[in-house]
């Protein structure tokens, strides 16, 4: 007899409570006899009004080790990134259920819960590997998790003047950016912060990293793509002698003189995706890729009553 599958649940504790969706998920898992684990903060948040049956749920305190067959992220992209941080190198596939707005990393909605749980048990779901970045400092270590699924960003600390970022690729000097910052992103992160400042979109598995400057003080500076087996070294100079390092949005202040060494991590994050979907379908549906707003405006104008 096969052992029951185990699921680790992570959720957004800042949105309005989505207890109906969580109740649906718990009911589906209970019907399957699954073992359910839940992030302590998410458990405490859901327990506030006592409306959900959480007696048989095992909590996972922050920093505690855990083991599961599937991790489930219930929220937006920020919740997914947090789940990826907690999963780390455990090789636990992550199922993203979008409870927010865009949710680019989450392929499923609350309406898909029963269907996707059935697909997991029937082996009908697709697993996609996503590369991760590792950050090391020449002095000390990052205060938080030194791995990023999306990006590592070096940014000016306040409203002071721009910073100078010297970049070396595999020990060879590339250039010195005069800018508000520089983003080093994975293909997963290419649709996030990097996209908002003009970086290229990269498909998963493309084996690339992006170097995208933030507000560069030169018209001839453009985003650059390199192979993800190359090592990037950053040296930063700032007028106030400090700068920020943001690892998947978790930022800390660093002193001038500290070099950053960024490379691909020795593990990947496994993401559960629709078996009938694709990255390009997600671009079209969530980023409105290829939509011609001119024709939509023209149609709307033609339908306006006189």
C-alpha atoms as a PDB file:
ATOM      1  CA  UNK A   1       0.000   0.000   0.000  1.00  0.00           C
ATOM      2  CA  UNK A   2       1.344   3.417  -0.994  1.00  0.00           C
ATOM      3  CA  UNK A   3       1.993   5.949   1.752  1.00  0.00           C
ATOM      4  CA  UNK A   4      -0.187   9.078   1.812  1.00  0.00           C
ATOM      5  CA  UNK A   5       1.200  12.112  -0.010  1.00  0.00           C
ATOM      6  CA  UNK A   6       2.198  15.113   2.084  1.00  0.00           C
ATOM      7  CA  UNK A   7       1.573  18.765   1.205  1.00  0.00           C
ATOM      8  CA  UNK A   8       3.229  21.849   2.729  1.00  0.00           C
ATOM      9  CA  UNK A   9       1.023  24.973   2.544  1.00  0.00           C
ATOM     10  CA  UNK A  10       2.320  28.553   2.394  1.00  0.00           C
ATOM     11  CA  UNK A  11      -0.011  31.525   2.112  1.00  0.00           C
ATOM     12  CA  UNK A  12      -0.289  35.287   2.008  1.00  0.00           C
ATOM     13  CA  UNK A  13      -1.144  36.741   5.409  1.00  0.00           C
ATOM     14  CA  UNK A  14      -1.575  40.325   4.159  1.00  0.00           C
ATOM     15  CA  UNK A  15      -4.484  39.908   1.765  1.00  0.00           C
ATOM     16  CA  UNK A  16      -8.119  39.731   2.867  1.00  0.00           C
ATOM     17  CA  UNK A  17      -8.755  36.218   4.145  1.00  0.00           C
ATOM     18  CA  UNK A  18      -9.471  33.664   1.392  1.00  0.00           C
ATOM     19  CA  UNK A  19     -10.785  31.007   3.773  1.00  0.00           C
ATOM     20  CA  UNK A  20     -13.228  29.517   1.241  1.00  0.00           C
ATOM     21  CA  UNK A  21     -10.365  28.568  -1.082  1.00  0.00           C
ATOM     22  CA  UNK A  22      -8.269  27.181   1.762  1.00  0.00           C
ATOM     23  CA  UNK A  23     -11.277  25.195   3.009  1.00  0.00           C
ATOM     24  CA  UNK A  24     -11.746  23.741  -0.483  1.00  0.00           C
ATOM     25  CA  UNK A  25      -8.089  22.739  -0.646  1.00  0.00           C
ATOM     26  CA  UNK A  26      -8.110  21.163   2.822  1.00  0.00           C
ATOM     27  CA  UNK A  27     -11.277  19.224   1.964  1.00  0.00           C
ATOM     28  CA  UNK A  28      -9.703  17.858  -1.223  1.00  0.00           C
ATOM     29  CA  UNK A  29      -6.563  16.784   0.620  1.00  0.00           C
ATOM     30  CA  UNK A  30      -8.530  15.238   3.489  1.00  0.00           C
ATOM     31  CA  UNK A  31     -10.615  13.229   1.024  1.00  0.00           C
ATOM     32  CA  UNK A  32      -7.368  11.832  -0.358  1.00  0.00           C
ATOM     33  CA  UNK A  33      -6.017  10.998   3.092  1.00  0.00           C
ATOM     34  CA  UNK A  34      -3.097  13.384   2.587  1.00  0.00           C
ATOM     35  CA  UNK A  35      -0.802  14.644   5.316  1.00  0.00           C
ATOM     36  CA  UNK A  36      -1.014  18.438   5.574  1.00  0.00           C
ATOM     37  CA  UNK A  37       1.719  20.743   6.882  1.00  0.00           C
ATOM     38  CA  UNK A  38       1.294  24.507   7.091  1.00  0.00           C
ATOM     39  CA  UNK A  39       3.588  27.470   7.591  1.00  0.00           C
ATOM     40  CA  UNK A  40       3.207  28.679  11.177  1.00  0.00           C
ATOM     41  CA  UNK A  41       2.408  32.285  10.200  1.00  0.00           C
ATOM     42  CA  UNK A  42      -0.224  31.176   7.693  1.00  0.00           C
ATOM     43  CA  UNK A  43      -1.718  28.787  10.271  1.00  0.00           C
ATOM     44  CA  UNK A  44      -1.922  31.541  12.893  1.00  0.00           C
ATOM     45  CA  UNK A  45      -3.532  33.894  10.369  1.00  0.00           C
ATOM     46  CA  UNK A  46      -6.206  31.356   9.368  1.00  0.00           C
ATOM     47  CA  UNK A  47      -6.868  30.424  13.005  1.00  0.00           C
ATOM     48  CA  UNK A  48      -7.956  33.920  13.998  1.00  0.00           C
ATOM     49  CA  UNK A  49     -11.696  33.360  13.559  1.00  0.00           C
ATOM     50  CA  UNK A  50     -11.714  29.591  14.158  1.00  0.00           C
ATOM     51  CA  UNK A  51     -13.827  28.886  11.063  1.00  0.00           C
ATOM     52  CA  UNK A  52     -11.420  26.423   9.460  1.00  0.00           C
ATOM     53  CA  UNK A  53     -10.775  22.861  10.698  1.00  0.00           C
ATOM     54  CA  UNK A  54      -7.021  22.964  11.354  1.00  0.00           C
ATOM     55  CA  UNK A  55      -6.788  20.382  14.147  1.00  0.00           C
ATOM     56  CA  UNK A  56      -5.065  17.788  11.987  1.00  0.00           C
ATOM     57  CA  UNK A  57      -2.629  20.234  10.379  1.00  0.00           C
ATOM     58  CA  UNK A  58       1.047  20.112  11.387  1.00  0.00           C
ATOM     59  CA  UNK A  59       2.659  23.546  11.615  1.00  0.00           C
ATOM     60  CA  UNK A  60       6.085  24.465  10.217  1.00  0.00           C
ATOM     61  CA  UNK A  61       7.828  27.130  12.325  1.00  0.00           C
ATOM     62  CA  UNK A  62      10.021  29.660  10.542  1.00  0.00           C
ATOM     63  CA  UNK A  63      13.458  28.167   9.932  1.00  0.00           C
ATOM     64  CA  UNK A  64      12.350  24.625  10.782  1.00  0.00           C
ATOM     65  CA  UNK A  65      13.210  21.772   8.458  1.00  0.00           C
ATOM     66  CA  UNK A  66      10.352  19.923   6.800  1.00  0.00           C
ATOM     67  CA  UNK A  67       9.706  17.273   4.188  1.00  0.00           C
ATOM     68  CA  UNK A  68       6.773  17.083   1.764  1.00  0.00           C
ATOM     69  CA  UNK A  69       5.872  15.701  -1.641  1.00  0.00           C
ATOM     70  CA  UNK A  70       4.395  19.002  -2.845  1.00  0.00           C
ATOM     71  CA  UNK A  71       4.575  22.587  -1.603  1.00  0.00           C
ATOM     72  CA  UNK A  72       1.541  24.785  -2.288  1.00  0.00           C
ATOM     73  CA  UNK A  73       1.754  28.573  -2.525  1.00  0.00           C
ATOM     74  CA  UNK A  74      -1.594  30.339  -2.005  1.00  0.00           C
ATOM     75  CA  UNK A  75      -1.139  33.998  -2.888  1.00  0.00           C
ATOM     76  CA  UNK A  76       0.677  36.045  -5.485  1.00  0.00           C
ATOM     77  CA  UNK A  77       4.231  36.069  -6.782  1.00  0.00           C
ATOM     78  CA  UNK A  78       5.604  37.273  -3.434  1.00  0.00           C
ATOM     79  CA  UNK A  79       4.088  34.271  -1.681  1.00  0.00           C
ATOM     80  CA  UNK A  80       5.529  31.979  -4.351  1.00  0.00           C
ATOM     81  CA  UNK A  81       9.013  33.450  -3.852  1.00  0.00           C
ATOM     82  CA  UNK A  82       8.679  32.905  -0.101  1.00  0.00           C
ATOM     83  CA  UNK A  83       7.653  29.275  -0.689  1.00  0.00           C
ATOM     84  CA  UNK A  84      10.673  28.840  -2.969  1.00  0.00           C
ATOM     85  CA  UNK A  85      12.920  30.260  -0.242  1.00  0.00           C
ATOM     86  CA  UNK A  86      11.534  27.828   2.318  1.00  0.00           C
ATOM     87  CA  UNK A  87      11.793  24.868  -0.078  1.00  0.00           C
ATOM     88  CA  UNK A  88      15.378  25.727  -1.063  1.00  0.00           C
ATOM     89  CA  UNK A  89      17.302  22.705  -2.307  1.00  0.00           C
ATOM     90  CA  UNK A  90      14.790  20.116  -1.050  1.00  0.00           C
ATOM     91  CA  UNK A  91      13.630  19.377  -4.640  1.00  0.00           C
ATOM     92  CA  UNK A  92       9.987  19.684  -3.557  1.00  0.00           C
ATOM     93  CA  UNK A  93       7.850  20.810  -6.519  1.00  0.00           C
ATOM     94  CA  UNK A  94       5.841  23.980  -5.879  1.00  0.00           C
ATOM     95  CA  UNK A  95       2.220  24.387  -6.932  1.00  0.00           C
ATOM     96  CA  UNK A  96       1.192  28.029  -7.259  1.00  0.00           C
ATOM     97  CA  UNK A  97      -2.474  28.928  -6.693  1.00  0.00           C
ATOM     98  CA  UNK A  98      -2.962  32.587  -7.547  1.00  0.00           C
ATOM     99  CA  UNK A  99      -5.028  34.411  -4.925  1.00  0.00           C
ATOM    100  CA  UNK A 100      -3.931  37.902  -5.927  1.00  0.00           C
ATOM    101  CA  UNK A 101      -3.907  39.887  -9.155  1.00  0.00           C
ATOM    102  CA  UNK A 102      -1.314  38.985 -11.818  1.00  0.00           C
ATOM    103  CA  UNK A 103       0.329  35.957 -10.209  1.00  0.00           C
ATOM    104  CA  UNK A 104       2.707  35.283 -13.095  1.00  0.00           C
ATOM    105  CA  UNK A 105       4.479  32.449 -11.257  1.00  0.00           C
ATOM    106  CA  UNK A 106       1.235  30.754 -10.225  1.00  0.00           C
ATOM    107  CA  UNK A 107      -0.347  28.752 -13.025  1.00  0.00           C
ATOM    108  CA  UNK A 108      -3.614  27.917 -11.242  1.00  0.00           C
ATOM    109  CA  UNK A 109      -6.545  29.768  -9.651  1.00  0.00           C
ATOM    110  CA  UNK A 110      -8.809  28.877  -6.745  1.00  0.00           C
ATOM    111  CA  UNK A 111     -11.315  27.467  -9.263  1.00  0.00           C
ATOM    112  CA  UNK A 112      -8.681  24.896 -10.318  1.00  0.00           C
ATOM    113  CA  UNK A 113      -8.054  23.447  -6.838  1.00  0.00           C
ATOM    114  CA  UNK A 114     -10.020  20.219  -7.112  1.00  0.00           C
ATOM    115  CA  UNK A 115      -8.872  19.588 -10.687  1.00  0.00           C
ATOM    116  CA  UNK A 116      -5.185  20.173 -10.004  1.00  0.00           C
ATOM    117  CA  UNK A 117      -5.152  17.977  -6.888  1.00  0.00           C
ATOM    118  CA  UNK A 118      -6.652  15.186  -8.983  1.00  0.00           C
ATOM    119  CA  UNK A 119      -4.002  15.788 -11.646  1.00  0.00           C
ATOM    120  CA  UNK A 120      -1.236  15.496  -9.055  1.00  0.00           C
ATOM    121  CA  UNK A 121      -2.542  12.146  -7.857  1.00  0.00           C
ATOM    122  CA  UNK A 122      -3.044  10.928 -11.433  1.00  0.00           C
ATOM    123  CA  UNK A 123       0.414  12.043 -12.575  1.00  0.00           C
ATOM    124  CA  UNK A 124      -1.078  14.381 -15.169  1.00  0.00           C
ATOM    125  CA  UNK A 125       0.749  17.571 -14.243  1.00  0.00           C
ATOM    126  CA  UNK A 126       3.910  19.034 -15.764  1.00  0.00           C
ATOM    127  CA  UNK A 127       7.071  19.883 -13.792  1.00  0.00           C
ATOM    128  CA  UNK A 128       9.309  22.717 -14.964  1.00  0.00           C
ATOM    129  CA  UNK A 129      12.783  23.472 -13.594  1.00  0.00           C
ATOM    130  CA  UNK A 130      13.731  27.077 -12.831  1.00  0.00           C
ATOM    131  CA  UNK A 131      17.297  28.228 -12.238  1.00  0.00           C
ATOM    132  CA  UNK A 132      18.310  30.022  -9.032  1.00  0.00           C
ATOM    133  CA  UNK A 133      21.031  32.586  -8.256  1.00  0.00           C
ATOM    134  CA  UNK A 134      23.489  32.398  -5.365  1.00  0.00           C
ATOM    135  CA  UNK A 135      25.017  35.523  -3.792  1.00  0.00           C
ATOM    136  CA  UNK A 136      28.278  35.672  -1.850  1.00  0.00           C
ATOM    137  CA  UNK A 137      30.028  38.672  -0.287  1.00  0.00           C
ATOM    138  CA  UNK A 138      33.768  39.254  -0.245  1.00  0.00           C
ATOM    139  CA  UNK A 139      33.340  40.228   3.427  1.00  0.00           C
ATOM    140  CA  UNK A 140      30.746  38.588   5.634  1.00  0.00           C
ATOM    141  CA  UNK A 141      27.589  36.894   4.409  1.00  0.00           C
ATOM    142  CA  UNK A 142      24.119  38.078   3.353  1.00  0.00           C
ATOM    143  CA  UNK A 143      21.894  38.667   6.370  1.00  0.00           C
ATOM    144  CA  UNK A 144      19.068  36.585   4.896  1.00  0.00           C
ATOM    145  CA  UNK A 145      18.634  33.777   2.392  1.00  0.00           C
ATOM    146  CA  UNK A 146      21.487  34.089  -0.162  1.00  0.00           C
ATOM    147  CA  UNK A 147      19.517  32.561  -3.048  1.00  0.00           C
ATOM    148  CA  UNK A 148      17.173  34.222  -5.540  1.00  0.00           C
ATOM    149  CA  UNK A 149      14.629  32.706  -7.895  1.00  0.00           C
ATOM    150  CA  UNK A 150      13.944  36.076  -9.537  1.00  0.00           C
ATOM    151  CA  UNK A 151      16.825  38.491  -9.204  1.00  0.00           C
ATOM    152  CA  UNK A 152      19.627  40.111  -7.266  1.00  0.00           C
ATOM    153  CA  UNK A 153      19.543  43.909  -7.451  1.00  0.00           C
ATOM    154  CA  UNK A 154      22.186  46.392  -6.382  1.00  0.00           C
ATOM    155  CA  UNK A 155      20.563  49.772  -5.786  1.00  0.00           C
ATOM    156  CA  UNK A 156      21.374  53.201  -4.415  1.00  0.00           C
ATOM    157  CA  UNK A 157      20.337  53.411  -0.784  1.00  0.00           C
ATOM    158  CA  UNK A 158      18.375  56.686  -0.734  1.00  0.00           C
ATOM    159  CA  UNK A 159      17.687  59.741  -2.869  1.00  0.00           C
ATOM    160  CA  UNK A 160      21.362  60.532  -3.191  1.00  0.00           C
ATOM    161  CA  UNK A 161      23.215  60.566  -6.487  1.00  0.00           C
ATOM    162  CA  UNK A 162      23.636  57.473  -8.623  1.00  0.00           C
ATOM    163  CA  UNK A 163      26.106  54.720  -7.801  1.00  0.00           C
ATOM    164  CA  UNK A 164      29.002  53.298  -9.801  1.00  0.00           C
ATOM    165  CA  UNK A 165      28.878  49.545 -10.365  1.00  0.00           C
ATOM    166  CA  UNK A 166      31.960  47.877 -11.795  1.00  0.00           C
ATOM    167  CA  UNK A 167      31.116  44.540 -13.440  1.00  0.00           C
ATOM    168  CA  UNK A 168      33.391  41.607 -14.179  1.00  0.00           C
ATOM    169  CA  UNK A 169      32.271  38.460 -16.007  1.00  0.00           C
ATOM    170  CA  UNK A 170      34.413  35.409 -15.202  1.00  0.00           C
ATOM    171  CA  UNK A 171      37.139  37.780 -14.055  1.00  0.00           C
ATOM    172  CA  UNK A 172      37.107  39.913 -17.217  1.00  0.00           C
ATOM    173  CA  UNK A 173      36.144  43.570 -16.907  1.00  0.00           C
ATOM    174  CA  UNK A 174      32.878  44.378 -18.692  1.00  0.00           C
ATOM    175  CA  UNK A 175      31.997  47.986 -17.833  1.00  0.00           C
ATOM    176  CA  UNK A 176      31.202  50.369 -14.996  1.00  0.00           C
ATOM    177  CA  UNK A 177      27.557  51.354 -14.837  1.00  0.00           C
ATOM    178  CA  UNK A 178      26.676  54.849 -13.654  1.00  0.00           C
ATOM    179  CA  UNK A 179      23.074  54.240 -12.643  1.00  0.00           C
ATOM    180  CA  UNK A 180      20.517  53.980  -9.872  1.00  0.00           C
ATOM    181  CA  UNK A 181      21.193  50.257  -9.794  1.00  0.00           C
ATOM    182  CA  UNK A 182      21.802  47.009 -11.629  1.00  0.00           C
ATOM    183  CA  UNK A 183      19.624  43.886 -11.744  1.00  0.00           C
ATOM    184  CA  UNK A 184      21.014  40.390 -12.270  1.00  0.00           C
ATOM    185  CA  UNK A 185      18.027  38.224 -13.119  1.00  0.00           C
ATOM    186  CA  UNK A 186      17.151  34.657 -14.023  1.00  0.00           C
ATOM    187  CA  UNK A 187      14.696  33.821 -16.826  1.00  0.00           C
ATOM    188  CA  UNK A 188      12.021  33.566 -14.121  1.00  0.00           C
ATOM    189  CA  UNK A 189      12.858  37.090 -12.957  1.00  0.00           C
ATOM    190  CA  UNK A 190      12.823  38.479 -16.496  1.00  0.00           C
ATOM    191  CA  UNK A 191       9.071  39.083 -16.218  1.00  0.00           C
ATOM    192  CA  UNK A 192       9.412  40.893 -12.886  1.00  0.00           C
ATOM    193  CA  UNK A 193      11.470  43.895 -11.782  1.00  0.00           C
ATOM    194  CA  UNK A 194      13.843  43.550 -14.740  1.00  0.00           C
ATOM    195  CA  UNK A 195      10.959  43.813 -17.223  1.00  0.00           C
ATOM    196  CA  UNK A 196       9.723  47.029 -15.606  1.00  0.00           C
ATOM    197  CA  UNK A 197      13.047  48.770 -16.334  1.00  0.00           C
ATOM    198  CA  UNK A 198      13.382  47.561 -19.921  1.00  0.00           C
ATOM    199  CA  UNK A 199      15.004  44.142 -19.578  1.00  0.00           C
ATOM    200  CA  UNK A 200      14.374  41.356 -22.119  1.00  0.00           C
ATOM    201  CA  UNK A 201      11.900  38.537 -21.490  1.00  0.00           C
ATOM    202  CA  UNK A 202      13.635  35.144 -21.361  1.00  0.00           C
ATOM    203  CA  UNK A 203      11.904  31.798 -21.579  1.00  0.00           C
ATOM    204  CA  UNK A 204      12.553  29.230 -18.807  1.00  0.00           C
ATOM    205  CA  UNK A 205      15.378  26.869 -19.649  1.00  0.00           C
ATOM    206  CA  UNK A 206      17.082  29.400 -21.920  1.00  0.00           C
ATOM    207  CA  UNK A 207      20.286  29.062 -19.888  1.00  0.00           C
ATOM    208  CA  UNK A 208      20.761  32.809 -19.586  1.00  0.00           C
ATOM    209  CA  UNK A 209      21.141  35.566 -17.028  1.00  0.00           C
ATOM    210  CA  UNK A 210      20.183  39.191 -17.553  1.00  0.00           C
ATOM    211  CA  UNK A 211      22.188  42.279 -16.588  1.00  0.00           C
ATOM    212  CA  UNK A 212      19.713  45.161 -16.600  1.00  0.00           C
ATOM    213  CA  UNK A 213      20.722  48.669 -15.474  1.00  0.00           C
ATOM    214  CA  UNK A 214      18.241  50.796 -13.529  1.00  0.00           C
ATOM    215  CA  UNK A 215      18.064  54.394 -14.826  1.00  0.00           C
ATOM    216  CA  UNK A 216      21.565  54.412 -16.401  1.00  0.00           C
ATOM    217  CA  UNK A 217      23.179  57.807 -16.969  1.00  0.00           C
ATOM    218  CA  UNK A 218      24.093  56.987 -20.575  1.00  0.00           C
ATOM    219  CA  UNK A 219      22.044  56.472 -23.719  1.00  0.00           C
ATOM    220  CA  UNK A 220      24.354  53.763 -25.065  1.00  0.00           C
ATOM    221  CA  UNK A 221      23.878  51.395 -22.089  1.00  0.00           C
ATOM    222  CA  UNK A 222      21.630  48.456 -22.907  1.00  0.00           C
ATOM    223  CA  UNK A 223      20.551  45.271 -21.084  1.00  0.00           C
ATOM    224  CA  UNK A 224      22.865  42.321 -21.632  1.00  0.00           C
ATOM    225  CA  UNK A 225      22.275  38.572 -21.586  1.00  0.00           C
ATOM    226  CA  UNK A 226      25.045  36.149 -20.597  1.00  0.00           C
ATOM    227  CA  UNK A 227      25.263  32.392 -20.086  1.00  0.00           C
ATOM    228  CA  UNK A 228      24.085  31.233 -16.676  1.00  0.00           C
ATOM    229  CA  UNK A 229      27.297  29.264 -16.093  1.00  0.00           C
ATOM    230  CA  UNK A 230      29.267  32.507 -15.929  1.00  0.00           C
ATOM    231  CA  UNK A 231      30.215  34.266 -12.701  1.00  0.00           C
ATOM    232  CA  UNK A 232      29.426  37.933 -12.127  1.00  0.00           C
ATOM    233  CA  UNK A 233      31.437  40.128  -9.737  1.00  0.00           C
ATOM    234  CA  UNK A 234      30.141  43.551  -8.722  1.00  0.00           C
ATOM    235  CA  UNK A 235      32.102  46.334  -7.005  1.00  0.00           C
ATOM    236  CA  UNK A 236      30.081  49.365  -5.934  1.00  0.00           C
ATOM    237  CA  UNK A 237      31.070  52.958  -5.191  1.00  0.00           C
ATOM    238  CA  UNK A 238      28.593  55.355  -3.642  1.00  0.00           C
ATOM    239  CA  UNK A 239      28.794  58.960  -2.524  1.00  0.00           C
ATOM    240  CA  UNK A 240      27.347  58.017   0.880  1.00  0.00           C
ATOM    241  CA  UNK A 241      29.524  54.847   0.999  1.00  0.00           C
ATOM    242  CA  UNK A 242      26.506  52.547   1.317  1.00  0.00           C
ATOM    243  CA  UNK A 243      24.224  50.739  -1.115  1.00  0.00           C
ATOM    244  CA  UNK A 244      21.354  48.251  -1.022  1.00  0.00           C
ATOM    245  CA  UNK A 245      21.362  44.619  -2.049  1.00  0.00           C
ATOM    246  CA  UNK A 246      17.893  43.186  -2.760  1.00  0.00           C
ATOM    247  CA  UNK A 247      17.643  39.398  -3.081  1.00  0.00           C
ATOM    248  CA  UNK A 248      14.171  38.590  -4.418  1.00  0.00           C
ATOM    249  CA  UNK A 249      12.975  41.824  -2.836  1.00  0.00           C
ATOM    250  CA  UNK A 250      14.558  41.229   0.595  1.00  0.00           C
ATOM    251  CA  UNK A 251      16.952  44.144   0.952  1.00  0.00           C
ATOM    252  CA  UNK A 252      19.840  44.969   3.240  1.00  0.00           C
ATOM    253  CA  UNK A 253      22.353  47.803   3.379  1.00  0.00           C
ATOM    254  CA  UNK A 254      25.976  47.076   2.496  1.00  0.00           C
ATOM    255  CA  UNK A 255      29.086  49.147   2.936  1.00  0.00           C
ATOM    256  CA  UNK A 256      31.201  50.298   0.052  1.00  0.00           C
ATOM    257  CA  UNK A 257      34.164  47.990  -0.495  1.00  0.00           C
ATOM    258  CA  UNK A 258      32.196  44.731  -0.326  1.00  0.00           C
ATOM    259  CA  UNK A 259      32.238  42.814  -3.587  1.00  0.00           C
ATOM    260  CA  UNK A 260      29.285  40.693  -4.660  1.00  0.00           C
ATOM    261  CA  UNK A 261      29.875  37.358  -6.369  1.00  0.00           C
ATOM    262  CA  UNK A 262      26.794  36.074  -8.187  1.00  0.00           C
ATOM    263  CA  UNK A 263      26.458  32.744  -9.961  1.00  0.00           C
ATOM    264  CA  UNK A 264      23.931  30.032 -10.650  1.00  0.00           C
ATOM    265  CA  UNK A 265      23.017  28.043  -7.555  1.00  0.00           C
ATOM    266  CA  UNK A 266      23.752  24.288  -7.409  1.00  0.00           C
ATOM    267  CA  UNK A 267      20.025  23.480  -7.400  1.00  0.00           C
ATOM    268  CA  UNK A 268      16.860  24.362  -9.316  1.00  0.00           C
ATOM    269  CA  UNK A 269      13.331  25.112  -8.162  1.00  0.00           C
ATOM    270  CA  UNK A 270      10.696  22.742  -9.549  1.00  0.00           C
ATOM    271  CA  UNK A 271       7.433  24.430 -10.539  1.00  0.00           C
ATOM    272  CA  UNK A 272       4.210  22.562 -11.267  1.00  0.00           C
ATOM    273  CA  UNK A 273       2.567  23.817 -14.464  1.00  0.00           C
ATOM    274  CA  UNK A 274      -0.482  23.027 -16.543  1.00  0.00           C
ATOM    275  CA  UNK A 275       0.154  20.055 -18.799  1.00  0.00           C
ATOM    276  CA  UNK A 276      -1.691  21.853 -21.614  1.00  0.00           C
ATOM    277  CA  UNK A 277      -0.110  25.266 -21.003  1.00  0.00           C
ATOM    278  CA  UNK A 278       3.126  26.974 -21.986  1.00  0.00           C
ATOM    279  CA  UNK A 279       5.263  29.976 -21.111  1.00  0.00           C
ATOM    280  CA  UNK A 280       4.121  31.730 -24.265  1.00  0.00           C
ATOM    281  CA  UNK A 281       0.465  31.156 -23.413  1.00  0.00           C
ATOM    282  CA  UNK A 282       1.135  32.768 -20.032  1.00  0.00           C
ATOM    283  CA  UNK A 283       2.688  35.782 -21.782  1.00  0.00           C
ATOM    284  CA  UNK A 284      -0.398  36.191 -23.922  1.00  0.00           C
ATOM    285  CA  UNK A 285      -2.923  35.688 -21.127  1.00  0.00           C
ATOM    286  CA  UNK A 286      -1.251  37.537 -18.228  1.00  0.00           C
ATOM    287  CA  UNK A 287       0.962  40.148 -19.899  1.00  0.00           C
ATOM    288  CA  UNK A 288      -1.442  40.779 -22.802  1.00  0.00           C
ATOM    289  CA  UNK A 289       1.359  39.850 -25.195  1.00  0.00           C
ATOM    290  CA  UNK A 290       0.421  40.813 -28.764  1.00  0.00           C
ATOM    291  CA  UNK A 291      -2.859  42.530 -27.879  1.00  0.00           C
ATOM    292  CA  UNK A 292      -3.565  45.365 -30.291  1.00  0.00           C
ATOM    293  CA  UNK A 293      -5.164  48.087 -28.182  1.00  0.00           C
ATOM    294  CA  UNK A 294      -5.750  50.197 -31.303  1.00  0.00           C
ATOM    295  CA  UNK A 295      -8.225  47.717 -32.731  1.00  0.00           C
ATOM    296  CA  UNK A 296      -9.950  47.329 -29.343  1.00  0.00           C
ATOM    297  CA  UNK A 297     -10.302  51.107 -29.037  1.00  0.00           C
ATOM    298  CA  UNK A 298     -11.641  51.356 -32.574  1.00  0.00           C
ATOM    299  CA  UNK A 299     -14.218  48.632 -31.907  1.00  0.00           C
ATOM    300  CA  UNK A 300     -15.345  50.308 -28.692  1.00  0.00           C
ATOM    301  CA  UNK A 301     -15.712  53.653 -30.456  1.00  0.00           C
ATOM    302  CA  UNK A 302     -17.770  52.081 -33.257  1.00  0.00           C
ATOM    303  CA  UNK A 303     -20.089  50.514 -30.684  1.00  0.00           C
ATOM    304  CA  UNK A 304     -20.678  53.780 -28.806  1.00  0.00           C
ATOM    305  CA  UNK A 305     -24.258  54.936 -29.396  1.00  0.00           C
ATOM    306  CA  UNK A 306     -24.645  58.332 -31.008  1.00  0.00           C
END
